[in-house]
Amino acid sequence: HRYSALAGFVEPGETPEHAVVREVAEEVGISVRSCSYAGAQPWPFPSSLMLGYYATAPGDEPAPDGDEIEEAAWFTRSELASAISGGDVLLPPPVSIARRLIEGWYGGPMPERQ
């Protein structure tokens, strides 16, 4: 399975932080808080920019909406490293902001598949 970070669009009249809270709630039913900016990446659509944020979430299990998100999961750092090593999880490419967010959370480059 390929996993990534959740993504969405900022609606007119909302801040990027509000968009993070709204999109995560809509896509996986989790109420996040304490959003903090992590970085940006140009997006290949005209006049677009991807913004990356970290947020704090309760331990509730994500419930994918079944429309935009088919599968979602929490991983500890060791669970993610093991899943990657065993070939059960694929991550986004290293050039993506999603990969930078994951590796920032992990604390460094992700181990490669064995």
PDB file of N, CA and C in Angstrom:
ATOM      1  N   HIS A   1       0.839  -1.189   0.000  1.00  0.00           N
ATOM      2  CA  HIS A   1       0.000   0.000   0.000  1.00  0.00           C
ATOM      3  C   HIS A   1       0.875   1.240   0.000  1.00  0.00           C
ATOM      4  N   ARG A   2       0.476   2.215  -0.769  1.00  0.00           N
ATOM      5  CA  ARG A   2       1.181   3.490  -0.730  1.00  0.00           C
ATOM      6  C   ARG A   2       0.434   4.416   0.209  1.00  0.00           C
ATOM      7  N   TYR A   3       1.167   4.965   1.161  1.00  0.00           N
ATOM      8  CA  TYR A   3       0.610   5.936   2.093  1.00  0.00           C
ATOM      9  C   TYR A   3       1.246   7.288   1.850  1.00  0.00           C
ATOM     10  N   SER A   4       0.509   8.326   2.166  1.00  0.00           N
ATOM     11  CA  SER A   4       0.978   9.691   2.004  1.00  0.00           C
ATOM     12  C   SER A   4       0.427  10.517   3.152  1.00  0.00           C
ATOM     13  N   ALA A   5       0.504  11.820   3.019  1.00  0.00           N
ATOM     14  CA  ALA A   5      -0.108  12.732   3.985  1.00  0.00           C
ATOM     15  C   ALA A   5      -1.470  13.143   3.439  1.00  0.00           C
ATOM     16  N   LEU A   6      -2.379  13.514   4.321  1.00  0.00           N
ATOM     17  CA  LEU A   6      -3.676  14.016   3.865  1.00  0.00           C
ATOM     18  C   LEU A   6      -3.481  15.356   3.169  1.00  0.00           C
ATOM     19  N   ALA A   7      -4.337  15.642   2.205  1.00  0.00           N
ATOM     20  CA  ALA A   7      -4.215  16.888   1.453  1.00  0.00           C
ATOM     21  C   ALA A   7      -5.597  17.450   1.155  1.00  0.00           C
ATOM     22  N   GLY A   8      -5.644  18.735   0.927  1.00  0.00           N
ATOM     23  CA  GLY A   8      -6.905  19.378   0.585  1.00  0.00           C
ATOM     24  C   GLY A   8      -6.658  20.792   0.115  1.00  0.00           C
ATOM     25  N   PHE A   9      -7.720  21.528  -0.066  1.00  0.00           N
ATOM     26  CA  PHE A   9      -7.643  22.893  -0.555  1.00  0.00           C
ATOM     27  C   PHE A   9      -8.157  23.864   0.491  1.00  0.00           C
ATOM     28  N   VAL A  10      -7.548  25.034   0.518  1.00  0.00           N
ATOM     29  CA  VAL A  10      -8.023  26.115   1.384  1.00  0.00           C
ATOM     30  C   VAL A  10      -9.228  26.747   0.703  1.00  0.00           C
ATOM     31  N   GLU A  11     -10.325  26.826   1.422  1.00  0.00           N
ATOM     32  CA  GLU A  11     -11.546  27.444   0.903  1.00  0.00           C
ATOM     33  C   GLU A  11     -11.487  28.956   1.092  1.00  0.00           C
ATOM     34  N   PRO A  12     -12.199  29.715   0.253  1.00  0.00           N
ATOM     35  CA  PRO A  12     -12.234  31.167   0.438  1.00  0.00           C
ATOM     36  C   PRO A  12     -12.713  31.512   1.854  1.00  0.00           C
ATOM     37  N   GLY A  13     -12.023  32.420   2.487  1.00  0.00           N
ATOM     38  CA  GLY A  13     -12.420  32.881   3.812  1.00  0.00           C
ATOM     39  C   GLY A  13     -11.860  32.080   4.968  1.00  0.00           C
ATOM     40  N   GLU A  14     -11.052  31.033   4.707  1.00  0.00           N
ATOM     41  CA  GLU A  14     -10.467  30.289   5.817  1.00  0.00           C
ATOM     42  C   GLU A  14      -8.945  30.382   5.775  1.00  0.00           C
ATOM     43  N   THR A  15      -8.320  30.208   6.921  1.00  0.00           N
ATOM     44  CA  THR A  15      -6.865  30.200   6.986  1.00  0.00           C
ATOM     45  C   THR A  15      -6.359  28.804   6.628  1.00  0.00           C
ATOM     46  N   PRO A  16      -5.091  28.693   6.288  1.00  0.00           N
ATOM     47  CA  PRO A  16      -4.548  27.351   6.042  1.00  0.00           C
ATOM     48  C   PRO A  16      -4.712  26.426   7.251  1.00  0.00           C
ATOM     49  N   GLU A  17      -4.559  26.956   8.449  1.00  0.00           N
ATOM     50  CA  GLU A  17      -4.724  26.134   9.649  1.00  0.00           C
ATOM     51  C   GLU A  17      -6.155  25.617   9.777  1.00  0.00           C
ATOM     52  N   HIS A  18      -7.132  26.455   9.467  1.00  0.00           N
ATOM     53  CA  HIS A  18      -8.526  26.005   9.490  1.00  0.00           C
ATOM     54  C   HIS A  18      -8.763  24.942   8.419  1.00  0.00           C
ATOM     55  N   ALA A  19      -8.104  25.084   7.270  1.00  0.00           N
ATOM     56  CA  ALA A  19      -8.235  24.087   6.210  1.00  0.00           C
ATOM     57  C   ALA A  19      -7.692  22.729   6.671  1.00  0.00           C
ATOM     58  N   VAL A  20      -6.585  22.730   7.407  1.00  0.00           N
ATOM     59  CA  VAL A  20      -6.030  21.481   7.935  1.00  0.00           C
ATOM     60  C   VAL A  20      -7.063  20.797   8.830  1.00  0.00           C
ATOM     61  N   VAL A  21      -7.620  21.552   9.770  1.00  0.00           N
ATOM     62  CA  VAL A  21      -8.612  20.997  10.702  1.00  0.00           C
ATOM     63  C   VAL A  21      -9.821  20.458   9.939  1.00  0.00           C
ATOM     64  N   ARG A  22     -10.332  21.243   8.995  1.00  0.00           N
ATOM     65  CA  ARG A  22     -11.518  20.845   8.228  1.00  0.00           C
ATOM     66  C   ARG A  22     -11.248  19.618   7.363  1.00  0.00           C
ATOM     67  N   GLU A  23     -10.164  19.642   6.608  1.00  0.00           N
ATOM     68  CA  GLU A  23      -9.864  18.535   5.685  1.00  0.00           C
ATOM     69  C   GLU A  23      -9.630  17.228   6.433  1.00  0.00           C
ATOM     70  N   VAL A  24      -8.894  17.260   7.529  1.00  0.00           N
ATOM     71  CA  VAL A  24      -8.648  16.030   8.286  1.00  0.00           C
ATOM     72  C   VAL A  24      -9.963  15.494   8.845  1.00  0.00           C
ATOM     73  N   ALA A  25     -10.812  16.379   9.351  1.00  0.00           N
ATOM     74  CA  ALA A  25     -12.122  15.940   9.866  1.00  0.00           C
ATOM     75  C   ALA A  25     -12.973  15.340   8.747  1.00  0.00           C
ATOM     76  N   GLU A  26     -12.990  15.988   7.583  1.00  0.00           N
ATOM     77  CA  GLU A  26     -13.798  15.488   6.470  1.00  0.00           C
ATOM     78  C   GLU A  26     -13.285  14.159   5.933  1.00  0.00           C
ATOM     79  N   GLU A  27     -11.973  14.029   5.805  1.00  0.00           N
ATOM     80  CA  GLU A  27     -11.403  12.863   5.129  1.00  0.00           C
ATOM     81  C   GLU A  27     -11.254  11.632   6.015  1.00  0.00           C
ATOM     82  N   VAL A  28     -10.937  11.845   7.311  1.00  0.00           N
ATOM     83  CA  VAL A  28     -10.723  10.670   8.181  1.00  0.00           C
ATOM     84  C   VAL A  28     -11.398  10.783   9.549  1.00  0.00           C
ATOM     85  N   GLY A  29     -12.227  11.816   9.757  1.00  0.00           N
ATOM     86  CA  GLY A  29     -13.005  11.921  10.983  1.00  0.00           C
ATOM     87  C   GLY A  29     -12.216  12.187  12.239  1.00  0.00           C
ATOM     88  N   ILE A  30     -11.043  12.793  12.119  1.00  0.00           N
ATOM     89  CA  ILE A  30     -10.206  13.093  13.280  1.00  0.00           C
ATOM     90  C   ILE A  30     -10.227  14.605  13.530  1.00  0.00           C
ATOM     91  N   SER A  31     -10.392  14.991  14.784  1.00  0.00           N
ATOM     92  CA  SER A  31     -10.356  16.406  15.173  1.00  0.00           C
ATOM     93  C   SER A  31      -8.935  16.755  15.592  1.00  0.00           C
ATOM     94  N   VAL A  32      -8.227  17.481  14.735  1.00  0.00           N
ATOM     95  CA  VAL A  32      -6.851  17.867  15.043  1.00  0.00           C
ATOM     96  C   VAL A  32      -6.811  19.262  15.647  1.00  0.00           C
ATOM     97  N   ARG A  33      -5.679  19.559  16.284  1.00  0.00           N
ATOM     98  CA  ARG A  33      -5.463  20.869  16.884  1.00  0.00           C
ATOM     99  C   ARG A  33      -3.971  21.183  16.815  1.00  0.00           C
ATOM    100  N   SER A  34      -3.607  22.336  17.261  1.00  0.00           N
ATOM    101  CA  SER A  34      -2.196  22.741  17.328  1.00  0.00           C
ATOM    102  C   SER A  34      -1.487  22.591  15.990  1.00  0.00           C
ATOM    103  N   CYS A  35      -2.053  23.150  14.940  1.00  0.00           N
ATOM    104  CA  CYS A  35      -1.431  23.097  13.616  1.00  0.00           C
ATOM    105  C   CYS A  35      -0.205  23.991  13.582  1.00  0.00           C
ATOM    106  N   SER A  36       0.874  23.482  12.996  1.00  0.00           N
ATOM    107  CA  SER A  36       2.071  24.306  12.835  1.00  0.00           C
ATOM    108  C   SER A  36       2.634  24.114  11.429  1.00  0.00           C
ATOM    109  N   TYR A  37       3.011  25.214  10.820  1.00  0.00           N
ATOM    110  CA  TYR A  37       3.529  25.228   9.458  1.00  0.00           C
ATOM    111  C   TYR A  37       4.845  24.464   9.390  1.00  0.00           C
ATOM    112  N   ALA A  38       5.020  23.652   8.343  1.00  0.00           N
ATOM    113  CA  ALA A  38       6.230  22.852   8.187  1.00  0.00           C
ATOM    114  C   ALA A  38       7.002  23.152   6.907  1.00  0.00           C
ATOM    115  N   GLY A  39       6.348  23.707   5.889  1.00  0.00           N
ATOM    116  CA  GLY A  39       7.041  23.985   4.639  1.00  0.00           C
ATOM    117  C   GLY A  39       6.085  24.071   3.471  1.00  0.00           C
ATOM    118  N   ALA A  40       6.649  24.346   2.287  1.00  0.00           N
ATOM    119  CA  ALA A  40       5.827  24.514   1.087  1.00  0.00           C
ATOM    120  C   ALA A  40       6.508  23.851  -0.103  1.00  0.00           C
ATOM    121  N   GLN A  41       5.695  23.568  -1.125  1.00  0.00           N
ATOM    122  CA  GLN A  41       6.188  22.984  -2.370  1.00  0.00           C
ATOM    123  C   GLN A  41       5.335  23.505  -3.510  1.00  0.00           C
ATOM    124  N   PRO A  42       5.967  23.950  -4.607  1.00  0.00           N
ATOM    125  CA  PRO A  42       5.162  24.328  -5.774  1.00  0.00           C
ATOM    126  C   PRO A  42       4.342  23.137  -6.243  1.00  0.00           C
ATOM    127  N   TRP A  43       3.174  23.404  -6.778  1.00  0.00           N
ATOM    128  CA  TRP A  43       2.281  22.362  -7.278  1.00  0.00           C
ATOM    129  C   TRP A  43       2.127  22.570  -8.764  1.00  0.00           C
ATOM    130  N   PRO A  44       2.048  21.509  -9.572  1.00  0.00           N
ATOM    131  CA  PRO A  44       2.075  21.662 -11.020  1.00  0.00           C
ATOM    132  C   PRO A  44       0.804  22.222 -11.667  1.00  0.00           C
ATOM    133  N   PHE A  45      -0.083  22.791 -10.912  1.00  0.00           N
ATOM    134  CA  PHE A  45      -1.238  23.471 -11.487  1.00  0.00           C
ATOM    135  C   PHE A  45      -0.956  24.966 -11.455  1.00  0.00           C
ATOM    136  N   PRO A  46      -1.480  25.730 -12.380  1.00  0.00           N
ATOM    137  CA  PRO A  46      -1.184  27.157 -12.418  1.00  0.00           C
ATOM    138  C   PRO A  46      -1.522  27.851 -11.097  1.00  0.00           C
ATOM    139  N   SER A  47      -0.599  28.669 -10.657  1.00  0.00           N
ATOM    140  CA  SER A  47      -0.790  29.514  -9.474  1.00  0.00           C
ATOM    141  C   SER A  47      -1.142  28.728  -8.222  1.00  0.00           C
ATOM    142  N   SER A  48      -0.572  27.558  -8.042  1.00  0.00           N
ATOM    143  CA  SER A  48      -0.878  26.742  -6.865  1.00  0.00           C
ATOM    144  C   SER A  48       0.375  26.481  -6.044  1.00  0.00           C
ATOM    145  N   LEU A  49       0.175  26.230  -4.772  1.00  0.00           N
ATOM    146  CA  LEU A  49       1.261  25.977  -3.838  1.00  0.00           C
ATOM    147  C   LEU A  49       0.761  24.997  -2.789  1.00  0.00           C
ATOM    148  N   MET A  50       1.542  23.978  -2.491  1.00  0.00           N
ATOM    149  CA  MET A  50       1.180  23.048  -1.408  1.00  0.00           C
ATOM    150  C   MET A  50       1.847  23.528  -0.131  1.00  0.00           C
ATOM    151  N   LEU A  51       1.078  23.605   0.940  1.00  0.00           N
ATOM    152  CA  LEU A  51       1.592  23.980   2.249  1.00  0.00           C
ATOM    153  C   LEU A  51       1.539  22.754   3.137  1.00  0.00           C
ATOM    154  N   GLY A  52       2.607  22.491   3.870  1.00  0.00           N
ATOM    155  CA  GLY A  52       2.640  21.349   4.767  1.00  0.00           C
ATOM    156  C   GLY A  52       2.503  21.795   6.207  1.00  0.00           C
ATOM    157  N   TYR A  53       1.698  21.055   6.964  1.00  0.00           N
ATOM    158  CA  TYR A  53       1.470  21.346   8.378  1.00  0.00           C
ATOM    159  C   TYR A  53       1.562  20.075   9.190  1.00  0.00           C
ATOM    160  N   TYR A  54       2.010  20.231  10.428  1.00  0.00           N
ATOM    161  CA  TYR A  54       1.896  19.181  11.428  1.00  0.00           C
ATOM    162  C   TYR A  54       0.747  19.571  12.339  1.00  0.00           C
ATOM    163  N   ALA A  55       0.068  18.586  12.905  1.00  0.00           N
ATOM    164  CA  ALA A  55      -1.021  18.863  13.837  1.00  0.00           C
ATOM    165  C   ALA A  55      -1.051  17.761  14.887  1.00  0.00           C
ATOM    166  N   THR A  56      -1.596  18.095  16.026  1.00  0.00           N
ATOM    167  CA  THR A  56      -1.765  17.131  17.107  1.00  0.00           C
ATOM    168  C   THR A  56      -3.149  16.512  16.980  1.00  0.00           C
ATOM    169  N   ALA A  57      -3.217  15.208  17.194  1.00  0.00           N
ATOM    170  CA  ALA A  57      -4.502  14.500  17.084  1.00  0.00           C
ATOM    171  C   ALA A  57      -4.677  13.580  18.283  1.00  0.00           C
ATOM    172  N   PRO A  58      -5.939  13.326  18.660  1.00  0.00           N
ATOM    173  CA  PRO A  58      -6.172  12.340  19.720  1.00  0.00           C
ATOM    174  C   PRO A  58      -5.842  10.952  19.181  1.00  0.00           C
ATOM    175  N   GLY A  59      -5.891   9.956  20.011  1.00  0.00           N
ATOM    176  CA  GLY A  59      -5.561   8.596  19.601  1.00  0.00           C
ATOM    177  C   GLY A  59      -6.663   7.873  18.864  1.00  0.00           C
ATOM    178  N   ASP A  60      -7.731   8.582  18.487  1.00  0.00           N
ATOM    179  CA  ASP A  60      -8.833   7.942  17.776  1.00  0.00           C
ATOM    180  C   ASP A  60      -8.353   7.313  16.476  1.00  0.00           C
ATOM    181  N   GLU A  61      -8.966   6.212  16.102  1.00  0.00           N
ATOM    182  CA  GLU A  61      -8.632   5.561  14.840  1.00  0.00           C
ATOM    183  C   GLU A  61      -9.201   6.373  13.677  1.00  0.00           C
ATOM    184  N   PRO A  62      -8.400   6.598  12.634  1.00  0.00           N
ATOM    185  CA  PRO A  62      -8.935   7.302  11.476  1.00  0.00           C
ATOM    186  C   PRO A  62     -10.031   6.485  10.796  1.00  0.00           C
ATOM    187  N   ALA A  63     -11.060   7.177  10.325  1.00  0.00           N
ATOM    188  CA  ALA A  63     -12.181   6.532   9.623  1.00  0.00           C
ATOM    189  C   ALA A  63     -12.260   7.136   8.224  1.00  0.00           C
ATOM    190  N   PRO A  64     -11.616   6.512   7.239  1.00  0.00           N
ATOM    191  CA  PRO A  64     -11.601   7.060   5.882  1.00  0.00           C
ATOM    192  C   PRO A  64     -13.009   7.343   5.365  1.00  0.00           C
ATOM    193  N   ASP A  65     -13.149   8.422   4.606  1.00  0.00           N
ATOM    194  CA  ASP A  65     -14.462   8.813   4.089  1.00  0.00           C
ATOM    195  C   ASP A  65     -14.967   7.888   2.988  1.00  0.00           C
ATOM    196  N   GLY A  66     -14.103   7.046   2.431  1.00  0.00           N
ATOM    197  CA  GLY A  66     -14.519   6.116   1.384  1.00  0.00           C
ATOM    198  C   GLY A  66     -14.661   6.758   0.019  1.00  0.00           C
ATOM    199  N   ASP A  67     -14.543   8.069  -0.038  1.00  0.00           N
ATOM    200  CA  ASP A  67     -14.640   8.791  -1.306  1.00  0.00           C
ATOM    201  C   ASP A  67     -13.248   9.252  -1.727  1.00  0.00           C
ATOM    202  N   GLU A  68     -12.688  10.182  -0.978  1.00  0.00           N
ATOM    203  CA  GLU A  68     -11.344  10.670  -1.293  1.00  0.00           C
ATOM    204  C   GLU A  68     -10.270   9.779  -0.689  1.00  0.00           C
ATOM    205  N   ILE A  69     -10.575   9.162   0.448  1.00  0.00           N
ATOM    206  CA  ILE A  69      -9.601   8.338   1.164  1.00  0.00           C
ATOM    207  C   ILE A  69     -10.160   6.929   1.318  1.00  0.00           C
ATOM    208  N   GLU A  70      -9.422   5.950   0.818  1.00  0.00           N
ATOM    209  CA  GLU A  70      -9.853   4.560   0.924  1.00  0.00           C
ATOM    210  C   GLU A  70      -9.306   3.873   2.167  1.00  0.00           C
ATOM    211  N   GLU A  71      -8.108   4.254   2.583  1.00  0.00           N
ATOM    212  CA  GLU A  71      -7.471   3.598   3.713  1.00  0.00           C
ATOM    213  C   GLU A  71      -6.614   4.615   4.453  1.00  0.00           C
ATOM    214  N   ALA A  72      -6.632   4.556   5.770  1.00  0.00           N
ATOM    215  CA  ALA A  72      -5.809   5.432   6.606  1.00  0.00           C
ATOM    216  C   ALA A  72      -5.392   4.658   7.839  1.00  0.00           C
ATOM    217  N   ALA A  73      -4.223   4.977   8.370  1.00  0.00           N
ATOM    218  CA  ALA A  73      -3.725   4.249   9.530  1.00  0.00           C
ATOM    219  C   ALA A  73      -2.770   5.119  10.326  1.00  0.00           C
ATOM    220  N   TRP A  74      -2.681   4.845  11.615  1.00  0.00           N
ATOM    221  CA  TRP A  74      -1.650   5.425  12.473  1.00  0.00           C
ATOM    222  C   TRP A  74      -0.488   4.443  12.509  1.00  0.00           C
ATOM    223  N   PHE A  75       0.713   4.957  12.561  1.00  0.00           N
ATOM    224  CA  PHE A  75       1.905   4.137  12.722  1.00  0.00           C
ATOM    225  C   PHE A  75       2.778   4.749  13.794  1.00  0.00           C
ATOM    226  N   THR A  76       3.409   3.917  14.608  1.00  0.00           N
ATOM    227  CA  THR A  76       4.507   4.403  15.437  1.00  0.00           C
ATOM    228  C   THR A  76       5.719   4.476  14.512  1.00  0.00           C
ATOM    229  N   ARG A  77       6.773   5.086  14.950  1.00  0.00           N
ATOM    230  CA  ARG A  77       7.973   5.158  14.121  1.00  0.00           C
ATOM    231  C   ARG A  77       8.499   3.750  13.822  1.00  0.00           C
ATOM    232  N   SER A  78       8.547   2.912  14.829  1.00  0.00           N
ATOM    233  CA  SER A  78       9.067   1.554  14.601  1.00  0.00           C
ATOM    234  C   SER A  78       8.132   0.728  13.714  1.00  0.00           C
ATOM    235  N   GLU A  79       6.825   0.894  13.864  1.00  0.00           N
ATOM    236  CA  GLU A  79       5.879   0.174  12.994  1.00  0.00           C
ATOM    237  C   GLU A  79       6.041   0.601  11.538  1.00  0.00           C
ATOM    238  N   LEU A  80       6.223   1.904  11.313  1.00  0.00           N
ATOM    239  CA  LEU A  80       6.380   2.388   9.942  1.00  0.00           C
ATOM    240  C   LEU A  80       7.681   1.871   9.342  1.00  0.00           C
ATOM    241  N   ALA A  81       8.775   1.954  10.085  1.00  0.00           N
ATOM    242  CA  ALA A  81      10.060   1.456   9.576  1.00  0.00           C
ATOM    243  C   ALA A  81       9.967  -0.029   9.244  1.00  0.00           C
ATOM    244  N   SER A  82       9.320  -0.796  10.096  1.00  0.00           N
ATOM    245  CA  SER A  82       9.167  -2.231   9.857  1.00  0.00           C
ATOM    246  C   SER A  82       8.297  -2.505   8.629  1.00  0.00           C
ATOM    247  N   ALA A  83       7.204  -1.758   8.486  1.00  0.00           N
ATOM    248  CA  ALA A  83       6.302  -1.948   7.341  1.00  0.00           C
ATOM    249  C   ALA A  83       6.993  -1.592   6.028  1.00  0.00           C
ATOM    250  N   ILE A  84       7.824  -0.563   6.047  1.00  0.00           N
ATOM    251  CA  ILE A  84       8.576  -0.186   4.837  1.00  0.00           C
ATOM    252  C   ILE A  84       9.607  -1.263   4.527  1.00  0.00           C
ATOM    253  N   SER A  85      10.334  -1.659   5.543  1.00  0.00           N
ATOM    254  CA  SER A  85      11.371  -2.682   5.366  1.00  0.00           C
ATOM    255  C   SER A  85      10.788  -3.982   4.816  1.00  0.00           C
ATOM    256  N   GLY A  86       9.594  -4.353   5.272  1.00  0.00           N
ATOM    257  CA  GLY A  86       8.957  -5.580   4.814  1.00  0.00           C
ATOM    258  C   GLY A  86       8.222  -5.454   3.503  1.00  0.00           C
ATOM    259  N   GLY A  87       8.172  -4.248   2.935  1.00  0.00           N
ATOM    260  CA  GLY A  87       7.503  -4.050   1.657  1.00  0.00           C
ATOM    261  C   GLY A  87       5.991  -3.903   1.758  1.00  0.00           C
ATOM    262  N   ASP A  88       5.469  -3.765   2.979  1.00  0.00           N
ATOM    263  CA  ASP A  88       4.025  -3.608   3.156  1.00  0.00           C
ATOM    264  C   ASP A  88       3.548  -2.180   2.934  1.00  0.00           C
ATOM    265  N   VAL A  89       4.459  -1.220   3.062  1.00  0.00           N
ATOM    266  CA  VAL A  89       4.118   0.193   2.912  1.00  0.00           C
ATOM    267  C   VAL A  89       5.106   0.849   1.961  1.00  0.00           C
ATOM    268  N   LEU A  90       4.569   1.609   1.024  1.00  0.00           N
ATOM    269  CA  LEU A  90       5.375   2.452   0.139  1.00  0.00           C
ATOM    270  C   LEU A  90       5.083   3.893   0.510  1.00  0.00           C
ATOM    271  N   LEU A  91       6.102   4.735   0.469  1.00  0.00           N
ATOM    272  CA  LEU A  91       5.925   6.153   0.782  1.00  0.00           C
ATOM    273  C   LEU A  91       5.965   6.991  -0.484  1.00  0.00           C
ATOM    274  N   PRO A  92       5.532   8.243  -0.389  1.00  0.00           N
ATOM    275  CA  PRO A  92       5.627   9.141  -1.540  1.00  0.00           C
ATOM    276  C   PRO A  92       7.100   9.346  -1.920  1.00  0.00           C
ATOM    277  N   PRO A  93       7.347   9.811  -3.133  1.00  0.00           N
ATOM    278  CA  PRO A  93       8.728  10.029  -3.570  1.00  0.00           C
ATOM    279  C   PRO A  93       9.440  11.065  -2.692  1.00  0.00           C
ATOM    280  N   PRO A  94      10.765  10.960  -2.580  1.00  0.00           N
ATOM    281  CA  PRO A  94      11.535  11.873  -1.730  1.00  0.00           C
ATOM    282  C   PRO A  94      11.404  13.356  -2.088  1.00  0.00           C
ATOM    283  N   VAL A  95      11.035  13.674  -3.310  1.00  0.00           N
ATOM    284  CA  VAL A  95      10.918  15.087  -3.704  1.00  0.00           C
ATOM    285  C   VAL A  95       9.608  15.720  -3.242  1.00  0.00           C
ATOM    286  N   SER A  96       8.681  14.929  -2.717  1.00  0.00           N
ATOM    287  CA  SER A  96       7.362  15.459  -2.353  1.00  0.00           C
ATOM    288  C   SER A  96       7.340  16.035  -0.950  1.00  0.00           C
ATOM    289  N   ILE A  97       6.452  17.004  -0.744  1.00  0.00           N
ATOM    290  CA  ILE A  97       6.285  17.576   0.584  1.00  0.00           C
ATOM    291  C   ILE A  97       5.730  16.528   1.546  1.00  0.00           C
ATOM    292  N   ALA A  98       4.914  15.607   1.055  1.00  0.00           N
ATOM    293  CA  ALA A  98       4.382  14.552   1.923  1.00  0.00           C
ATOM    294  C   ALA A  98       5.527  13.720   2.502  1.00  0.00           C
ATOM    295  N   ARG A  99       6.502  13.375   1.693  1.00  0.00           N
ATOM    296  CA  ARG A  99       7.656  12.611   2.165  1.00  0.00           C
ATOM    297  C   ARG A  99       8.464  13.421   3.168  1.00  0.00           C
ATOM    298  N   ARG A 100       8.638  14.714   2.898  1.00  0.00           N
ATOM    299  CA  ARG A 100       9.362  15.575   3.848  1.00  0.00           C
ATOM    300  C   ARG A 100       8.631  15.647   5.178  1.00  0.00           C
ATOM    301  N   LEU A 101       7.302  15.715   5.148  1.00  0.00           N
ATOM    302  CA  LEU A 101       6.531  15.732   6.390  1.00  0.00           C
ATOM    303  C   LEU A 101       6.712  14.428   7.163  1.00  0.00           C
ATOM    304  N   ILE A 102       6.627  13.308   6.466  1.00  0.00           N
ATOM    305  CA  ILE A 102       6.772  12.004   7.113  1.00  0.00           C
ATOM    306  C   ILE A 102       8.172  11.860   7.708  1.00  0.00           C
ATOM    307  N   GLU A 103       9.195  12.217   6.943  1.00  0.00           N
ATOM    308  CA  GLU A 103      10.558  12.094   7.443  1.00  0.00           C
ATOM    309  C   GLU A 103      10.851  13.092   8.556  1.00  0.00           C
ATOM    310  N   GLY A 104      10.217  14.260   8.522  1.00  0.00           N
ATOM    311  CA  GLY A 104      10.352  15.214   9.618  1.00  0.00           C
ATOM    312  C   GLY A 104       9.784  14.647  10.909  1.00  0.00           C
ATOM    313  N   TRP A 105       8.611  14.012  10.802  1.00  0.00           N
ATOM    314  CA  TRP A 105       8.004  13.358  11.961  1.00  0.00           C
ATOM    315  C   TRP A 105       8.863  12.184  12.431  1.00  0.00           C
ATOM    316  N   TYR A 106       9.388  11.419  11.484  1.00  0.00           N
ATOM    317  CA  TYR A 106      10.187  10.240  11.803  1.00  0.00           C
ATOM    318  C   TYR A 106      11.508  10.627  12.474  1.00  0.00           C
ATOM    319  N   GLY A 107      12.052  11.778  12.083  1.00  0.00           N
ATOM    320  CA  GLY A 107      13.316  12.243  12.660  1.00  0.00           C
ATOM    321  C   GLY A 107      14.508  12.075  11.735  1.00  0.00           C
ATOM    322  N   GLY A 108      14.259  11.785  10.458  1.00  0.00           N
ATOM    323  CA  GLY A 108      15.334  11.630   9.502  1.00  0.00           C
ATOM    324  C   GLY A 108      14.868  10.825   8.314  1.00  0.00           C
ATOM    325  N   PRO A 109      15.785  10.502   7.390  1.00  0.00           N
ATOM    326  CA  PRO A 109      15.398   9.714   6.216  1.00  0.00           C
ATOM    327  C   PRO A 109      14.810   8.369   6.612  1.00  0.00           C
ATOM    328  N   MET A 110      13.820   7.964   5.868  1.00  0.00           N
ATOM    329  CA  MET A 110      13.161   6.675   6.129  1.00  0.00           C
ATOM    330  C   MET A 110      14.068   5.546   5.632  1.00  0.00           C
ATOM    331  N   PRO A 111      14.061   4.433   6.372  1.00  0.00           N
ATOM    332  CA  PRO A 111      14.850   3.279   5.897  1.00  0.00           C
ATOM    333  C   PRO A 111      14.278   2.767   4.576  1.00  0.00           C
ATOM    334  N   GLU A 112      15.136   2.248   3.753  1.00  0.00           N
ATOM    335  CA  GLU A 112      14.696   1.684   2.476  1.00  0.00           C
ATOM    336  C   GLU A 112      14.216   0.259   2.682  1.00  0.00           C
ATOM    337  N   ARG A 113      13.456  -0.206   1.697  1.00  0.00           N
ATOM    338  CA  ARG A 113      12.963  -1.592   1.726  1.00  0.00           C
ATOM    339  C   ARG A 113      14.136  -2.552   1.678  1.00  0.00           C
ATOM    340  N   GLN A 114      14.085  -3.595   2.475  1.00  0.00           N
ATOM    341  CA  GLN A 114      15.161  -4.605   2.525  1.00  0.00           C
ATOM    342  C   GLN A 114      14.989  -5.619   1.412  1.00  0.00           C
TER     343      GLN A 114
END
